[in-house]
Amino acid sequence: MKRSIYVFKNYFLEFFEKQDLKTQRKIEITMDLIRYEERIPANFFKHIRGTNGIYEIRISTSHRNIRIFCFFDKDDRIIIMNCIVKKSGKIRTGELKQAILIRRNYFMEQSNIDRK
């Protein structure tokens, strides 16, 4: 199976560019796993409870846990949004609200494109 991964706005790219090369490589490997594996293991990709279709891509390094928020648009298209370095067991409400707002903005923009 092959999924397409698209980055919406610059949230992810700004985060990615600030990471060291080893962390960037780990992110790239995880993205390839999500792109090509038919069944993605839950330790790499998980739906966030209480949201309408927002998932987290989970990346663990030796010194931190990175979460990249994303969602599906059309069956096999994954849209990458904002990222966080997870410092506790729960995702903070503000970070999740930002992901919800970004997702909403994405679909509003897509709706405007479709009307043209």
C-alpha atoms as a PDB file:
ATOM      1  CA  MET A   1       0.000   0.000   0.000  1.00  0.00           C
ATOM      2  CA  LYS A   2       1.177   3.500  -0.658  1.00  0.00           C
ATOM      3  CA  ARG A   3      -0.141   6.586   1.077  1.00  0.00           C
ATOM      4  CA  SER A   4       0.644  10.127   0.000  1.00  0.00           C
ATOM      5  CA  ILE A   5       1.937  12.540   2.612  1.00  0.00           C
ATOM      6  CA  TYR A   6       1.432  16.282   2.161  1.00  0.00           C
ATOM      7  CA  VAL A   7       2.570  19.103   4.408  1.00  0.00           C
ATOM      8  CA  PHE A   8       0.031  21.862   5.074  1.00  0.00           C
ATOM      9  CA  LYS A   9       1.541  25.326   5.597  1.00  0.00           C
ATOM     10  CA  ASN A  10       4.980  25.585   7.254  1.00  0.00           C
ATOM     11  CA  TYR A  11       4.262  24.239  10.748  1.00  0.00           C
ATOM     12  CA  PHE A  12       6.010  20.925  10.206  1.00  0.00           C
ATOM     13  CA  LEU A  13       8.827  22.222   7.993  1.00  0.00           C
ATOM     14  CA  GLU A  14       9.847  24.886  10.519  1.00  0.00           C
ATOM     15  CA  PHE A  15       9.977  22.228  13.242  1.00  0.00           C
ATOM     16  CA  PHE A  16      11.835  19.699  11.057  1.00  0.00           C
ATOM     17  CA  GLU A  17      14.552  22.154  10.028  1.00  0.00           C
ATOM     18  CA  LYS A  18      15.388  22.881  13.690  1.00  0.00           C
ATOM     19  CA  GLN A  19      16.100  19.206  14.446  1.00  0.00           C
ATOM     20  CA  ASP A  20      19.537  17.614  14.397  1.00  0.00           C
ATOM     21  CA  LEU A  21      20.362  15.305  11.485  1.00  0.00           C
ATOM     22  CA  LYS A  22      19.821  12.121  13.474  1.00  0.00           C
ATOM     23  CA  THR A  23      16.327  13.220  14.515  1.00  0.00           C
ATOM     24  CA  GLN A  24      15.507  14.346  10.962  1.00  0.00           C
ATOM     25  CA  ARG A  25      16.518  10.927   9.683  1.00  0.00           C
ATOM     26  CA  LYS A  26      14.345   9.192  12.278  1.00  0.00           C
ATOM     27  CA  ILE A  27      11.382  11.348  11.206  1.00  0.00           C
ATOM     28  CA  GLU A  28      12.005  10.456   7.550  1.00  0.00           C
ATOM     29  CA  ILE A  29      12.183   6.731   8.330  1.00  0.00           C
ATOM     30  CA  THR A  30       8.916   6.924  10.272  1.00  0.00           C
ATOM     31  CA  MET A  31       7.240   8.804   7.415  1.00  0.00           C
ATOM     32  CA  ASP A  32       8.360   6.056   5.010  1.00  0.00           C
ATOM     33  CA  LEU A  33       6.889   3.421   7.316  1.00  0.00           C
ATOM     34  CA  ILE A  34       3.569   5.279   7.329  1.00  0.00           C
ATOM     35  CA  ARG A  35       3.725   5.752   3.576  1.00  0.00           C
ATOM     36  CA  TYR A  36       4.387   2.117   2.651  1.00  0.00           C
ATOM     37  CA  GLU A  37       3.226  -0.264   5.409  1.00  0.00           C
ATOM     38  CA  GLU A  38      -0.275  -1.639   4.981  1.00  0.00           C
ATOM     39  CA  ARG A  39      -0.860  -1.781   8.745  1.00  0.00           C
ATOM     40  CA  ILE A  40       0.962   0.911  10.675  1.00  0.00           C
ATOM     41  CA  PRO A  41       1.920  -0.176  14.210  1.00  0.00           C
ATOM     42  CA  ALA A  42       0.171   1.872  16.924  1.00  0.00           C
ATOM     43  CA  ASN A  43       3.487   2.856  18.469  1.00  0.00           C
ATOM     44  CA  PHE A  44       4.106   4.948  15.299  1.00  0.00           C
ATOM     45  CA  PHE A  45       0.609   6.156  14.375  1.00  0.00           C
ATOM     46  CA  LYS A  46      -2.386   6.609  16.630  1.00  0.00           C
ATOM     47  CA  HIS A  47      -5.813   8.285  16.543  1.00  0.00           C
ATOM     48  CA  ILE A  48      -6.186  10.926  19.254  1.00  0.00           C
ATOM     49  CA  ARG A  49      -9.275  10.138  21.294  1.00  0.00           C
ATOM     50  CA  GLY A  50     -11.943  12.820  21.420  1.00  0.00           C
ATOM     51  CA  THR A  51     -11.009  14.314  18.044  1.00  0.00           C
ATOM     52  CA  ASN A  52     -12.693  14.116  14.699  1.00  0.00           C
ATOM     53  CA  GLY A  53     -10.010  12.298  12.735  1.00  0.00           C
ATOM     54  CA  ILE A  54      -6.786  13.764  14.093  1.00  0.00           C
ATOM     55  CA  TYR A  55      -3.877  11.359  14.441  1.00  0.00           C
ATOM     56  CA  GLU A  56      -0.411  11.623  15.875  1.00  0.00           C
ATOM     57  CA  ILE A  57       2.726  10.300  14.255  1.00  0.00           C
ATOM     58  CA  ARG A  58       4.848   9.122  17.154  1.00  0.00           C
ATOM     59  CA  ILE A  59       8.617   9.399  17.076  1.00  0.00           C
ATOM     60  CA  SER A  60      10.775   8.519  20.058  1.00  0.00           C
ATOM     61  CA  THR A  61      14.416   9.434  20.296  1.00  0.00           C
ATOM     62  CA  SER A  62      16.811   8.751  23.132  1.00  0.00           C
ATOM     63  CA  HIS A  63      16.077  12.126  24.706  1.00  0.00           C
ATOM     64  CA  ARG A  64      12.504  13.074  23.719  1.00  0.00           C
ATOM     65  CA  ASN A  65       9.166  12.107  22.222  1.00  0.00           C
ATOM     66  CA  ILE A  66       7.986  13.957  19.137  1.00  0.00           C
ATOM     67  CA  ARG A  67       4.362  14.068  18.026  1.00  0.00           C
ATOM     68  CA  ILE A  68       3.394  15.191  14.541  1.00  0.00           C
ATOM     69  CA  PHE A  69      -0.326  15.878  14.168  1.00  0.00           C
ATOM     70  CA  CYS A  70      -2.004  14.810  10.936  1.00  0.00           C
ATOM     71  CA  PHE A  71      -5.298  13.709   9.393  1.00  0.00           C
ATOM     72  CA  PHE A  72      -6.605  11.906   6.332  1.00  0.00           C
ATOM     73  CA  ASP A  73      -8.009  13.714   3.315  1.00  0.00           C
ATOM     74  CA  LYS A  74      -9.317  11.294   0.740  1.00  0.00           C
ATOM     75  CA  ASP A  75      -8.547   7.657   1.421  1.00  0.00           C
ATOM     76  CA  ASP A  76      -4.771   7.498   1.154  1.00  0.00           C
ATOM     77  CA  ARG A  77      -3.708  11.141   1.544  1.00  0.00           C
ATOM     78  CA  ILE A  78      -2.260  12.133   4.909  1.00  0.00           C
ATOM     79  CA  ILE A  79      -1.970  15.833   5.696  1.00  0.00           C
ATOM     80  CA  ILE A  80       0.819  16.802   8.102  1.00  0.00           C
ATOM     81  CA  MET A  81       0.128  19.719  10.439  1.00  0.00           C
ATOM     82  CA  ASN A  82       1.912  20.979  13.539  1.00  0.00           C
ATOM     83  CA  CYS A  83       4.421  19.188  15.778  1.00  0.00           C
ATOM     84  CA  ILE A  84       5.245  19.119  19.454  1.00  0.00           C
ATOM     85  CA  VAL A  85       7.863  17.679  21.741  1.00  0.00           C
ATOM     86  CA  LYS A  86       5.791  15.746  24.242  1.00  0.00           C
ATOM     87  CA  LYS A  87       6.920  16.413  27.790  1.00  0.00           C
ATOM     88  CA  SER A  88       4.247  14.598  29.774  1.00  0.00           C
ATOM     89  CA  GLY A  89       1.794  11.755  29.423  1.00  0.00           C
ATOM     90  CA  LYS A  90      -0.942  13.912  27.934  1.00  0.00           C
ATOM     91  CA  ILE A  91      -1.114  16.284  25.006  1.00  0.00           C
ATOM     92  CA  ARG A  92      -1.781  19.795  26.263  1.00  0.00           C
ATOM     93  CA  THR A  93      -5.162  21.243  25.313  1.00  0.00           C
ATOM     94  CA  GLY A  94      -3.696  24.271  23.516  1.00  0.00           C
ATOM     95  CA  GLU A  95      -1.587  22.093  21.234  1.00  0.00           C
ATOM     96  CA  LEU A  96      -4.568  19.962  20.324  1.00  0.00           C
ATOM     97  CA  LYS A  97      -6.772  23.018  19.755  1.00  0.00           C
ATOM     98  CA  GLN A  98      -4.169  24.338  17.331  1.00  0.00           C
ATOM     99  CA  ALA A  99      -4.272  21.044  15.391  1.00  0.00           C
ATOM    100  CA  ILE A 100      -8.078  21.183  15.260  1.00  0.00           C
ATOM    101  CA  LEU A 101      -7.949  24.768  13.960  1.00  0.00           C
ATOM    102  CA  ILE A 102      -5.324  23.902  11.332  1.00  0.00           C
ATOM    103  CA  ARG A 103      -7.440  20.960  10.117  1.00  0.00           C
ATOM    104  CA  ARG A 104     -10.495  23.207   9.867  1.00  0.00           C
ATOM    105  CA  ASN A 105      -8.498  25.808   7.907  1.00  0.00           C
ATOM    106  CA  TYR A 106      -7.256  23.124   5.523  1.00  0.00           C
ATOM    107  CA  PHE A 107     -10.770  21.995   4.640  1.00  0.00           C
ATOM    108  CA  MET A 108     -11.982  25.591   4.293  1.00  0.00           C
ATOM    109  CA  GLU A 109      -9.176  26.277   1.815  1.00  0.00           C
ATOM    110  CA  GLN A 110      -9.961  23.072  -0.078  1.00  0.00           C
ATOM    111  CA  SER A 111     -13.610  24.072  -0.239  1.00  0.00           C
ATOM    112  CA  ASN A 112     -12.658  27.450  -1.696  1.00  0.00           C
ATOM    113  CA  ILE A 113     -10.433  25.778  -4.306  1.00  0.00           C
ATOM    114  CA  ASP A 114     -13.233  23.393  -5.305  1.00  0.00           C
ATOM    115  CA  ARG A 115     -15.627  26.316  -5.878  1.00  0.00           C
ATOM    116  CA  LYS A 116     -13.308  27.987  -8.379  1.00  0.00           C
END
